[in-house]
Amino acid sequence: MIKSKTLASDRVLFLVKFIITLEVLLLAVPIFNDTFILYVSFSQNIGIINFISFILLLIYFFWHYIDAKKKMTCTGCKIANTGANVIIYSISLFIIYLFYNFL
């Protein structure tokens, strides 16, 4: 049985997913405890964290784009999937940013 290998670009996307999950979990913290130190430090820097996450998404997109062009294997499918991931996670980051600033 051949084990599939995880690409480094997929690890970048995993990091973005982890950041989004952490942000969503920390949105619920003020309901229970308003003095939670991680929440306070995280919410004060949410713009910077989301900007870094967006840069990571762009790195992920261009990494997959160059890799697909280099290998010439189903480039349309791979680029469309990567583009959809970037759009979905960018919108998620923006919505979370709005929740932190206007809720």
C-alpha atoms as a PDB file:
ATOM      1  CA  MET A   1       0.000   0.000   0.000  1.00  0.00           C
ATOM      2  CA  ILE A   2       1.405   3.370  -1.035  1.00  0.00           C
ATOM      3  CA  LYS A   3       1.188   6.064   1.592  1.00  0.00           C
ATOM      4  CA  SER A   4       0.161   9.473   0.271  1.00  0.00           C
ATOM      5  CA  LYS A   5       2.560  12.253   1.043  1.00  0.00           C
ATOM      6  CA  THR A   6       1.564  15.574   2.534  1.00  0.00           C
ATOM      7  CA  LEU A   7       2.885  18.507   0.568  1.00  0.00           C
ATOM      8  CA  ALA A   8       4.410  21.487   2.338  1.00  0.00           C
ATOM      9  CA  SER A   9       1.811  23.742   0.718  1.00  0.00           C
ATOM     10  CA  ASP A  10      -0.918  21.624   2.305  1.00  0.00           C
ATOM     11  CA  ARG A  11       0.711  22.209   5.673  1.00  0.00           C
ATOM     12  CA  VAL A  12       0.427  25.947   5.028  1.00  0.00           C
ATOM     13  CA  LEU A  13      -3.316  25.496   4.431  1.00  0.00           C
ATOM     14  CA  PHE A  14      -3.534  23.414   7.609  1.00  0.00           C
ATOM     15  CA  LEU A  15      -1.967  26.294   9.548  1.00  0.00           C
ATOM     16  CA  VAL A  16      -4.593  28.691   8.161  1.00  0.00           C
ATOM     17  CA  LYS A  17      -7.365  26.229   9.103  1.00  0.00           C
ATOM     18  CA  PHE A  18      -5.892  25.979  12.601  1.00  0.00           C
ATOM     19  CA  ILE A  19      -5.850  29.783  12.969  1.00  0.00           C
ATOM     20  CA  ILE A  20      -9.469  30.051  11.798  1.00  0.00           C
ATOM     21  CA  THR A  21     -10.542  27.319  14.229  1.00  0.00           C
ATOM     22  CA  LEU A  22      -8.719  29.036  17.090  1.00  0.00           C
ATOM     23  CA  GLU A  23     -10.343  32.372  16.223  1.00  0.00           C
ATOM     24  CA  VAL A  24     -13.813  30.827  16.183  1.00  0.00           C
ATOM     25  CA  LEU A  25     -13.233  29.104  19.514  1.00  0.00           C
ATOM     26  CA  LEU A  26     -11.940  32.312  21.074  1.00  0.00           C
ATOM     27  CA  LEU A  27     -15.064  34.172  19.918  1.00  0.00           C
ATOM     28  CA  ALA A  28     -17.022  32.196  22.531  1.00  0.00           C
ATOM     29  CA  VAL A  29     -14.607  32.928  25.406  1.00  0.00           C
ATOM     30  CA  PRO A  30     -16.066  36.327  26.441  1.00  0.00           C
ATOM     31  CA  ILE A  31     -19.381  34.605  27.122  1.00  0.00           C
ATOM     32  CA  PHE A  32     -17.784  32.630  29.951  1.00  0.00           C
ATOM     33  CA  ASN A  33     -14.844  34.706  31.160  1.00  0.00           C
ATOM     34  CA  ASP A  34     -14.019  38.234  30.014  1.00  0.00           C
ATOM     35  CA  THR A  35     -10.556  38.317  31.566  1.00  0.00           C
ATOM     36  CA  PHE A  36      -9.084  35.365  29.702  1.00  0.00           C
ATOM     37  CA  ILE A  37      -5.523  36.497  28.858  1.00  0.00           C
ATOM     38  CA  LEU A  38      -5.250  34.593  25.573  1.00  0.00           C
ATOM     39  CA  TYR A  39      -8.519  36.130  24.354  1.00  0.00           C
ATOM     40  CA  VAL A  40      -7.450  39.669  25.247  1.00  0.00           C
ATOM     41  CA  SER A  41      -4.061  39.387  23.542  1.00  0.00           C
ATOM     42  CA  PHE A  42      -5.557  37.576  20.569  1.00  0.00           C
ATOM     43  CA  SER A  43      -8.421  40.015  20.024  1.00  0.00           C
ATOM     44  CA  GLN A  44      -6.095  43.019  20.158  1.00  0.00           C
ATOM     45  CA  ASN A  45      -3.967  41.561  17.358  1.00  0.00           C
ATOM     46  CA  ILE A  46      -6.701  39.987  15.232  1.00  0.00           C
ATOM     47  CA  GLY A  47      -6.022  42.267  12.255  1.00  0.00           C
ATOM     48  CA  ILE A  48      -2.348  41.306  12.131  1.00  0.00           C
ATOM     49  CA  ILE A  49      -3.144  37.618  12.595  1.00  0.00           C
ATOM     50  CA  ASN A  50      -5.713  37.684   9.791  1.00  0.00           C
ATOM     51  CA  PHE A  51      -3.321  39.583   7.521  1.00  0.00           C
ATOM     52  CA  ILE A  52      -0.615  36.948   8.101  1.00  0.00           C
ATOM     53  CA  SER A  53      -3.192  34.210   7.440  1.00  0.00           C
ATOM     54  CA  PHE A  54      -4.176  35.897   4.183  1.00  0.00           C
ATOM     55  CA  ILE A  55      -0.519  36.099   3.118  1.00  0.00           C
ATOM     56  CA  LEU A  56      -0.225  32.373   3.913  1.00  0.00           C
ATOM     57  CA  LEU A  57      -3.261  31.738   1.695  1.00  0.00           C
ATOM     58  CA  LEU A  58      -1.614  33.611  -1.164  1.00  0.00           C
ATOM     59  CA  ILE A  59       1.575  31.595  -0.678  1.00  0.00           C
ATOM     60  CA  TYR A  60      -0.528  28.430  -0.729  1.00  0.00           C
ATOM     61  CA  PHE A  61      -2.253  29.484  -3.965  1.00  0.00           C
ATOM     62  CA  PHE A  62       0.873  30.446  -5.860  1.00  0.00           C
ATOM     63  CA  TRP A  63       2.732  27.397  -4.573  1.00  0.00           C
ATOM     64  CA  HIS A  64       0.022  25.101  -5.971  1.00  0.00           C
ATOM     65  CA  TYR A  65      -0.206  27.145  -9.172  1.00  0.00           C
ATOM     66  CA  ILE A  66       3.527  26.852  -9.885  1.00  0.00           C
ATOM     67  CA  ASP A  67       3.531  23.177  -8.900  1.00  0.00           C
ATOM     68  CA  ALA A  68       0.596  22.437 -11.204  1.00  0.00           C
ATOM     69  CA  LYS A  69       2.189  24.270 -14.120  1.00  0.00           C
ATOM     70  CA  LYS A  70       5.464  22.456 -13.540  1.00  0.00           C
ATOM     71  CA  LYS A  71       3.915  18.978 -13.497  1.00  0.00           C
ATOM     72  CA  MET A  72       1.169  19.710 -16.051  1.00  0.00           C
ATOM     73  CA  THR A  73      -1.215  17.281 -14.388  1.00  0.00           C
ATOM     74  CA  CYS A  74      -4.835  18.396 -14.403  1.00  0.00           C
ATOM     75  CA  THR A  75      -3.850  22.009 -13.900  1.00  0.00           C
ATOM     76  CA  GLY A  76      -7.404  23.311 -14.292  1.00  0.00           C
ATOM     77  CA  CYS A  77      -8.753  21.038 -11.555  1.00  0.00           C
ATOM     78  CA  LYS A  78      -5.916  21.694  -9.135  1.00  0.00           C
ATOM     79  CA  ILE A  79      -5.917  25.459  -9.643  1.00  0.00           C
ATOM     80  CA  ALA A  80      -9.715  25.663  -9.378  1.00  0.00           C
ATOM     81  CA  ASN A  81      -9.668  23.702  -6.124  1.00  0.00           C
ATOM     82  CA  THR A  82      -6.850  25.832  -4.741  1.00  0.00           C
ATOM     83  CA  GLY A  83      -8.612  29.037  -5.819  1.00  0.00           C
ATOM     84  CA  ALA A  84     -11.831  27.930  -4.142  1.00  0.00           C
ATOM     85  CA  ASN A  85      -9.934  27.192  -0.915  1.00  0.00           C
ATOM     86  CA  VAL A  86      -8.342  30.632  -0.992  1.00  0.00           C
ATOM     87  CA  ILE A  87     -11.677  32.376  -1.582  1.00  0.00           C
ATOM     88  CA  ILE A  88     -13.533  30.421   1.108  1.00  0.00           C
ATOM     89  CA  TYR A  89     -10.877  30.863   3.768  1.00  0.00           C
ATOM     90  CA  SER A  90     -10.361  34.547   2.888  1.00  0.00           C
ATOM     91  CA  ILE A  91     -14.076  35.184   3.343  1.00  0.00           C
ATOM     92  CA  SER A  92     -13.972  33.255   6.631  1.00  0.00           C
ATOM     93  CA  LEU A  93     -11.074  35.378   7.878  1.00  0.00           C
ATOM     94  CA  PHE A  94     -12.909  38.562   6.888  1.00  0.00           C
ATOM     95  CA  ILE A  95     -16.129  37.519   8.640  1.00  0.00           C
ATOM     96  CA  ILE A  96     -14.236  36.587  11.791  1.00  0.00           C
ATOM     97  CA  TYR A  97     -12.442  39.944  11.658  1.00  0.00           C
ATOM     98  CA  LEU A  98     -15.831  41.699  11.455  1.00  0.00           C
ATOM     99  CA  PHE A  99     -17.132  39.691  14.421  1.00  0.00           C
ATOM    100  CA  TYR A 100     -14.148  40.656  16.563  1.00  0.00           C
ATOM    101  CA  ASN A 101     -14.384  44.345  15.681  1.00  0.00           C
ATOM    102  CA  PHE A 102     -18.136  44.946  15.574  1.00  0.00           C
ATOM    103  CA  LEU A 103     -19.650  42.482  18.035  1.00  0.00           C
END
